[in-house]
């Protein structure tokens, strides 16, 4: 999702800074924390997305997995999720991931602390 003109996430308490845009290349993943929630942020097909950072099947940090386009693969049992909407693409996971709004603005990546 791209930044909307006239809105600066740095001035909005509902967004947290993640990293400079240049540090998140295509199919890269980075982890951040929102309160006690672990979030994985990735760039797929040119867009930035954010999702729950722990697999819903068994405890595994998704940042250690792989992002191929919009398919986020868990490193433990290889469950695949669509990072755009959290849906399960391939088991063994059955529960989708929670999704967070991610945007790019002024050369930075930001994630909403409210679920999308």
N, C-alpha and C. Protein backbone atom coordinates (compact mmCIF):
# COMPACT_ATOMS: atom_id res chain seq x y z
N UNK A 1 0.85 -1.17 0.00
CA UNK A 1 0.00 0.00 0.00
C UNK A 1 0.90 1.23 0.00
N UNK A 2 0.62 2.16 -0.82
CA UNK A 2 1.43 3.36 -0.94
C UNK A 2 0.89 4.49 -0.08
N UNK A 3 1.76 5.39 0.26
CA UNK A 3 1.44 6.54 1.09
C UNK A 3 0.48 7.48 0.37
N UNK A 4 -0.48 7.98 1.10
CA UNK A 4 -1.43 8.96 0.55
C UNK A 4 -0.89 10.36 0.77
N UNK A 5 -0.98 11.19 -0.24
CA UNK A 5 -0.53 12.58 -0.10
C UNK A 5 -1.28 13.27 1.01
N UNK A 6 -0.57 14.13 1.73
CA UNK A 6 -1.19 14.91 2.77
C UNK A 6 -1.21 14.24 4.13
N UNK A 7 -0.75 12.98 4.22
CA UNK A 7 -0.73 12.27 5.49
C UNK A 7 0.71 11.89 5.81
N UNK A 8 1.19 12.30 6.97
CA UNK A 8 2.53 11.94 7.40
C UNK A 8 2.42 11.00 8.58
N UNK A 9 2.81 9.71 8.40
CA UNK A 9 2.66 8.76 9.49
C UNK A 9 3.48 9.11 10.73
N UNK A 10 4.54 9.89 10.57
CA UNK A 10 5.34 10.29 11.72
C UNK A 10 4.54 11.17 12.67
N UNK A 11 3.49 11.80 12.15
CA UNK A 11 2.65 12.67 12.96
C UNK A 11 1.39 11.95 13.45
N UNK A 12 1.27 10.68 13.14
CA UNK A 12 0.09 9.89 13.48
C UNK A 12 0.49 8.82 14.49
N UNK A 13 -0.09 8.87 15.68
CA UNK A 13 0.25 7.93 16.74
C UNK A 13 -0.13 6.49 16.43
N UNK A 14 -0.91 6.27 15.38
CA UNK A 14 -1.31 4.91 15.07
C UNK A 14 -0.29 4.17 14.21
N UNK A 15 0.83 4.81 13.84
CA UNK A 15 1.88 4.16 13.05
C UNK A 15 3.19 4.14 13.81
N UNK A 16 3.94 3.04 13.61
CA UNK A 16 5.29 2.97 14.16
C UNK A 16 6.28 2.87 13.01
N UNK A 17 7.43 3.46 13.22
CA UNK A 17 8.50 3.42 12.23
C UNK A 17 9.13 2.03 12.25
N UNK A 18 9.40 1.46 11.07
CA UNK A 18 10.01 0.14 10.97
C UNK A 18 11.46 0.23 10.49
N UNK A 19 11.68 0.87 9.33
CA UNK A 19 13.02 0.95 8.77
C UNK A 19 13.01 1.89 7.56
N UNK A 20 14.21 2.27 7.08
CA UNK A 20 14.25 3.00 5.82
C UNK A 20 13.77 2.09 4.68
N UNK A 21 13.08 2.63 3.71
CA UNK A 21 12.59 1.85 2.57
C UNK A 21 13.71 1.10 1.87
N UNK A 22 14.89 1.70 1.81
CA UNK A 22 16.02 1.10 1.11
C UNK A 22 16.52 -0.18 1.78
N UNK A 23 16.18 -0.41 3.04
CA UNK A 23 16.62 -1.62 3.74
C UNK A 23 15.69 -2.80 3.52
N UNK A 24 14.54 -2.58 2.91
CA UNK A 24 13.58 -3.65 2.68
C UNK A 24 13.46 -3.89 1.18
N UNK A 25 14.28 -4.81 0.69
CA UNK A 25 14.29 -5.12 -0.73
C UNK A 25 13.21 -6.13 -1.07
N UNK A 26 13.00 -6.36 -2.35
CA UNK A 26 11.99 -7.31 -2.82
C UNK A 26 12.23 -8.69 -2.19
N UNK A 27 11.16 -9.29 -1.68
CA UNK A 27 11.15 -10.60 -1.02
C UNK A 27 11.94 -10.64 0.28
N UNK A 28 12.29 -9.48 0.84
CA UNK A 28 12.92 -9.40 2.15
C UNK A 28 11.87 -9.37 3.25
N UNK A 29 12.29 -9.82 4.42
CA UNK A 29 11.44 -9.78 5.61
C UNK A 29 12.21 -9.10 6.74
N UNK A 30 11.49 -8.37 7.56
CA UNK A 30 12.07 -7.73 8.74
C UNK A 30 11.02 -7.86 9.86
N UNK A 31 11.50 -7.91 11.08
CA UNK A 31 10.60 -8.07 12.22
C UNK A 31 10.55 -6.80 13.05
N UNK A 32 9.39 -6.50 13.61
CA UNK A 32 9.26 -5.39 14.54
C UNK A 32 8.26 -5.79 15.63
N UNK A 33 8.16 -4.98 16.64
CA UNK A 33 7.25 -5.25 17.74
C UNK A 33 6.24 -4.11 17.85
N UNK A 34 4.99 -4.47 18.08
CA UNK A 34 3.95 -3.49 18.41
C UNK A 34 3.38 -3.97 19.74
N UNK A 35 3.74 -3.29 20.80
CA UNK A 35 3.36 -3.75 22.14
C UNK A 35 4.00 -5.10 22.38
N UNK A 36 3.18 -6.12 22.63
CA UNK A 36 3.69 -7.47 22.84
C UNK A 36 3.58 -8.33 21.59
N UNK A 37 3.10 -7.75 20.50
CA UNK A 37 2.88 -8.48 19.25
C UNK A 37 4.12 -8.42 18.36
N UNK A 38 4.54 -9.59 17.87
CA UNK A 38 5.63 -9.67 16.90
C UNK A 38 5.02 -9.54 15.51
N UNK A 39 5.57 -8.62 14.72
CA UNK A 39 5.07 -8.34 13.37
C UNK A 39 6.18 -8.64 12.37
N UNK A 40 5.82 -9.27 11.26
CA UNK A 40 6.76 -9.45 10.16
C UNK A 40 6.34 -8.50 9.04
N UNK A 41 7.32 -7.78 8.51
CA UNK A 41 7.08 -6.82 7.43
C UNK A 41 7.87 -7.30 6.22
N UNK A 42 7.23 -7.32 5.07
CA UNK A 42 7.90 -7.79 3.86
C UNK A 42 7.52 -6.98 2.64
N UNK A 43 8.42 -7.02 1.66
CA UNK A 43 8.14 -6.37 0.37
C UNK A 43 7.93 -7.47 -0.66
N UNK A 44 6.72 -7.52 -1.20
CA UNK A 44 6.37 -8.50 -2.22
C UNK A 44 5.70 -7.83 -3.39
N UNK A 45 6.17 -8.15 -4.58
CA UNK A 45 5.63 -7.57 -5.81
C UNK A 45 5.62 -6.05 -5.76
N UNK A 46 6.65 -5.49 -5.12
CA UNK A 46 6.82 -4.04 -5.07
C UNK A 46 6.06 -3.33 -3.97
N UNK A 47 5.21 -4.03 -3.25
CA UNK A 47 4.42 -3.43 -2.18
C UNK A 47 4.92 -3.88 -0.81
N UNK A 48 4.60 -3.11 0.21
CA UNK A 48 5.00 -3.43 1.58
C UNK A 48 3.78 -3.95 2.33
N UNK A 49 3.96 -5.06 3.04
CA UNK A 49 2.89 -5.70 3.79
C UNK A 49 3.36 -6.00 5.20
N UNK A 50 2.42 -6.15 6.13
CA UNK A 50 2.74 -6.50 7.51
C UNK A 50 1.72 -7.51 8.02
N UNK A 51 2.22 -8.50 8.75
CA UNK A 51 1.36 -9.56 9.28
C UNK A 51 1.88 -10.02 10.63
N UNK A 52 1.04 -10.75 11.32
CA UNK A 52 1.43 -11.42 12.55
C UNK A 52 2.73 -12.16 12.30
N UNK A 53 3.70 -12.03 13.19
CA UNK A 53 5.03 -12.58 12.95
C UNK A 53 5.27 -13.98 13.46
N UNK A 54 4.27 -14.58 14.11
CA UNK A 54 4.40 -15.94 14.62
C UNK A 54 3.38 -16.82 13.90
N UNK A 55 3.85 -17.96 13.39
CA UNK A 55 2.98 -18.88 12.66
C UNK A 55 1.81 -19.31 13.52
N UNK A 56 0.65 -19.45 12.91
CA UNK A 56 -0.56 -19.85 13.63
C UNK A 56 -0.63 -21.36 13.84
N UNK A 57 0.25 -22.11 13.22
CA UNK A 57 0.24 -23.57 13.36
C UNK A 57 1.05 -24.03 14.56
N UNK A 58 2.29 -23.61 14.62
CA UNK A 58 3.19 -23.94 15.73
C UNK A 58 4.14 -22.77 15.88
N UNK A 59 4.60 -22.53 17.10
CA UNK A 59 5.42 -21.35 17.34
C UNK A 59 6.67 -21.37 16.46
N UNK A 60 6.73 -20.42 15.55
CA UNK A 60 7.89 -20.23 14.70
C UNK A 60 7.86 -18.78 14.22
N UNK A 61 9.02 -18.13 14.27
CA UNK A 61 9.10 -16.75 13.82
C UNK A 61 9.15 -16.71 12.30
N UNK A 62 8.16 -16.06 11.71
CA UNK A 62 8.03 -16.02 10.26
C UNK A 62 9.13 -15.22 9.58
N UNK A 63 9.80 -14.34 10.32
CA UNK A 63 10.92 -13.58 9.75
C UNK A 63 12.04 -14.52 9.29
N UNK A 64 12.08 -15.73 9.88
CA UNK A 64 13.09 -16.72 9.49
C UNK A 64 12.64 -17.56 8.30
N UNK A 65 11.43 -17.31 7.82
CA UNK A 65 10.91 -18.02 6.66
C UNK A 65 11.31 -17.32 5.37
N UNK A 66 10.52 -17.55 4.34
CA UNK A 66 10.79 -16.95 3.03
C UNK A 66 9.57 -16.24 2.51
N UNK A 67 9.81 -15.16 1.78
CA UNK A 67 8.75 -14.46 1.07
C UNK A 67 9.06 -14.56 -0.41
N UNK A 68 8.13 -15.12 -1.16
CA UNK A 68 8.26 -15.25 -2.61
C UNK A 68 7.05 -14.58 -3.22
N UNK A 69 7.24 -13.34 -3.67
CA UNK A 69 6.11 -12.55 -4.14
C UNK A 69 5.24 -12.17 -2.97
N UNK A 70 4.07 -12.80 -2.86
CA UNK A 70 3.19 -12.54 -1.72
C UNK A 70 2.96 -13.79 -0.88
N UNK A 71 3.70 -14.85 -1.15
CA UNK A 71 3.59 -16.10 -0.41
C UNK A 71 4.65 -16.14 0.69
N UNK A 72 4.20 -16.10 1.94
CA UNK A 72 5.07 -16.15 3.11
C UNK A 72 5.09 -17.58 3.63
N UNK A 73 6.29 -18.19 3.64
CA UNK A 73 6.44 -19.58 4.05
C UNK A 73 7.08 -19.67 5.42
N UNK A 74 6.44 -20.43 6.30
CA UNK A 74 6.95 -20.67 7.65
C UNK A 74 8.18 -21.57 7.56
N UNK A 75 9.23 -21.27 8.35
CA UNK A 75 10.44 -22.09 8.29
C UNK A 75 10.32 -23.44 9.00
N UNK A 76 9.30 -23.61 9.85
CA UNK A 76 9.20 -24.83 10.66
C UNK A 76 8.52 -25.98 9.92
N UNK A 77 7.28 -25.80 9.52
CA UNK A 77 6.54 -26.87 8.84
C UNK A 77 6.11 -26.47 7.43
N UNK A 78 6.61 -25.34 6.95
CA UNK A 78 6.41 -24.88 5.57
C UNK A 78 4.97 -24.52 5.22
N UNK A 79 4.19 -24.10 6.21
CA UNK A 79 2.87 -23.55 5.91
C UNK A 79 3.07 -22.28 5.09
N UNK A 80 2.17 -22.01 4.16
CA UNK A 80 2.26 -20.82 3.31
C UNK A 80 1.05 -19.93 3.55
N UNK A 81 1.33 -18.64 3.67
CA UNK A 81 0.29 -17.63 3.90
C UNK A 81 0.40 -16.56 2.83
N UNK A 82 -0.73 -15.97 2.46
CA UNK A 82 -0.74 -14.81 1.58
C UNK A 82 -0.51 -13.59 2.47
N UNK A 83 0.63 -12.93 2.31
CA UNK A 83 0.97 -11.81 3.18
C UNK A 83 0.05 -10.61 2.96
N UNK A 84 -0.69 -10.59 1.86
CA UNK A 84 -1.61 -9.48 1.60
C UNK A 84 -2.84 -9.52 2.49
N UNK A 85 -3.37 -10.71 2.73
CA UNK A 85 -4.61 -10.82 3.52
C UNK A 85 -4.52 -11.84 4.65
N UNK A 86 -3.39 -12.52 4.78
CA UNK A 86 -3.18 -13.47 5.87
C UNK A 86 -3.74 -14.86 5.62
N UNK A 87 -4.42 -15.06 4.51
CA UNK A 87 -5.06 -16.35 4.26
C UNK A 87 -4.03 -17.47 4.13
N UNK A 88 -4.46 -18.67 4.50
CA UNK A 88 -3.62 -19.86 4.40
C UNK A 88 -3.66 -20.35 2.95
N UNK A 89 -2.49 -20.47 2.35
CA UNK A 89 -2.40 -20.97 0.99
C UNK A 89 -2.08 -22.46 0.97
N UNK A 90 -1.35 -22.91 2.00
CA UNK A 90 -0.97 -24.32 2.10
C UNK A 90 -0.74 -24.67 3.56
N UNK A 91 -1.28 -25.81 4.00
CA UNK A 91 -1.13 -26.26 5.38
C UNK A 91 0.29 -26.69 5.69
N UNK A 92 0.49 -27.04 6.94
CA UNK A 92 -0.48 -27.55 7.89
C UNK A 92 -1.27 -26.48 8.66
N UNK A 93 -0.93 -25.22 8.53
CA UNK A 93 -1.70 -24.17 9.23
C UNK A 93 -3.14 -24.15 8.70
N UNK A 94 -4.07 -23.83 9.60
CA UNK A 94 -5.48 -23.69 9.22
C UNK A 94 -6.01 -22.30 9.54
N UNK A 95 -5.35 -21.61 10.46
CA UNK A 95 -5.80 -20.30 10.91
C UNK A 95 -5.01 -19.21 10.18
N UNK A 96 -5.70 -18.23 9.59
CA UNK A 96 -4.99 -17.15 8.89
C UNK A 96 -4.20 -16.27 9.85
N UNK A 97 -3.27 -15.51 9.29
CA UNK A 97 -2.49 -14.54 10.05
C UNK A 97 -3.29 -13.25 10.21
N UNK A 98 -3.08 -12.54 11.32
CA UNK A 98 -3.62 -11.20 11.46
C UNK A 98 -2.78 -10.27 10.58
N UNK A 99 -3.45 -9.30 9.98
CA UNK A 99 -2.81 -8.37 9.05
C UNK A 99 -2.79 -6.97 9.66
N UNK A 100 -1.73 -6.24 9.36
CA UNK A 100 -1.57 -4.85 9.78
C UNK A 100 -1.33 -3.99 8.54
N UNK A 101 -1.78 -2.77 8.57
CA UNK A 101 -1.58 -1.86 7.45
C UNK A 101 -0.12 -1.40 7.44
N UNK A 102 0.52 -1.51 6.31
CA UNK A 102 1.90 -1.06 6.14
C UNK A 102 1.93 -0.04 5.01
N UNK A 103 2.70 1.03 5.20
CA UNK A 103 2.82 2.06 4.17
C UNK A 103 4.27 2.51 4.05
N UNK A 104 4.55 3.12 2.93
CA UNK A 104 5.84 3.78 2.72
C UNK A 104 5.58 5.26 2.58
N UNK A 105 6.37 6.05 3.28
CA UNK A 105 6.24 7.50 3.20
C UNK A 105 7.60 8.13 3.44
N UNK A 106 7.96 9.06 2.61
CA UNK A 106 9.20 9.82 2.77
C UNK A 106 10.41 8.93 2.96
N UNK A 107 10.47 7.82 2.20
CA UNK A 107 11.63 6.93 2.24
C UNK A 107 11.69 6.03 3.46
N UNK A 108 10.55 5.86 4.14
CA UNK A 108 10.51 5.01 5.33
C UNK A 108 9.33 4.06 5.26
N UNK A 109 9.45 2.93 5.98
CA UNK A 109 8.37 1.96 6.11
C UNK A 109 7.73 2.13 7.47
N UNK A 110 6.41 2.15 7.49
CA UNK A 110 5.62 2.36 8.71
C UNK A 110 4.56 1.28 8.80
N UNK A 111 4.22 0.86 10.02
CA UNK A 111 3.17 -0.12 10.24
C UNK A 111 2.18 0.45 11.25
N UNK A 112 0.89 0.25 10.95
CA UNK A 112 -0.15 0.70 11.86
C UNK A 112 -0.20 -0.20 13.09
N UNK A 113 -0.39 0.39 14.23
CA UNK A 113 -0.52 -0.43 15.44
C UNK A 113 -1.96 -0.92 15.63
N UNK A 114 -2.78 -0.67 14.64
CA UNK A 114 -4.15 -1.17 14.62
C UNK A 114 -4.24 -2.24 13.54
N UNK A 115 -4.89 -3.33 13.84
CA UNK A 115 -5.00 -4.41 12.86
C UNK A 115 -5.78 -3.96 11.64
N UNK A 116 -5.34 -4.43 10.47
CA UNK A 116 -5.98 -4.06 9.22
C UNK A 116 -6.98 -5.05 8.87
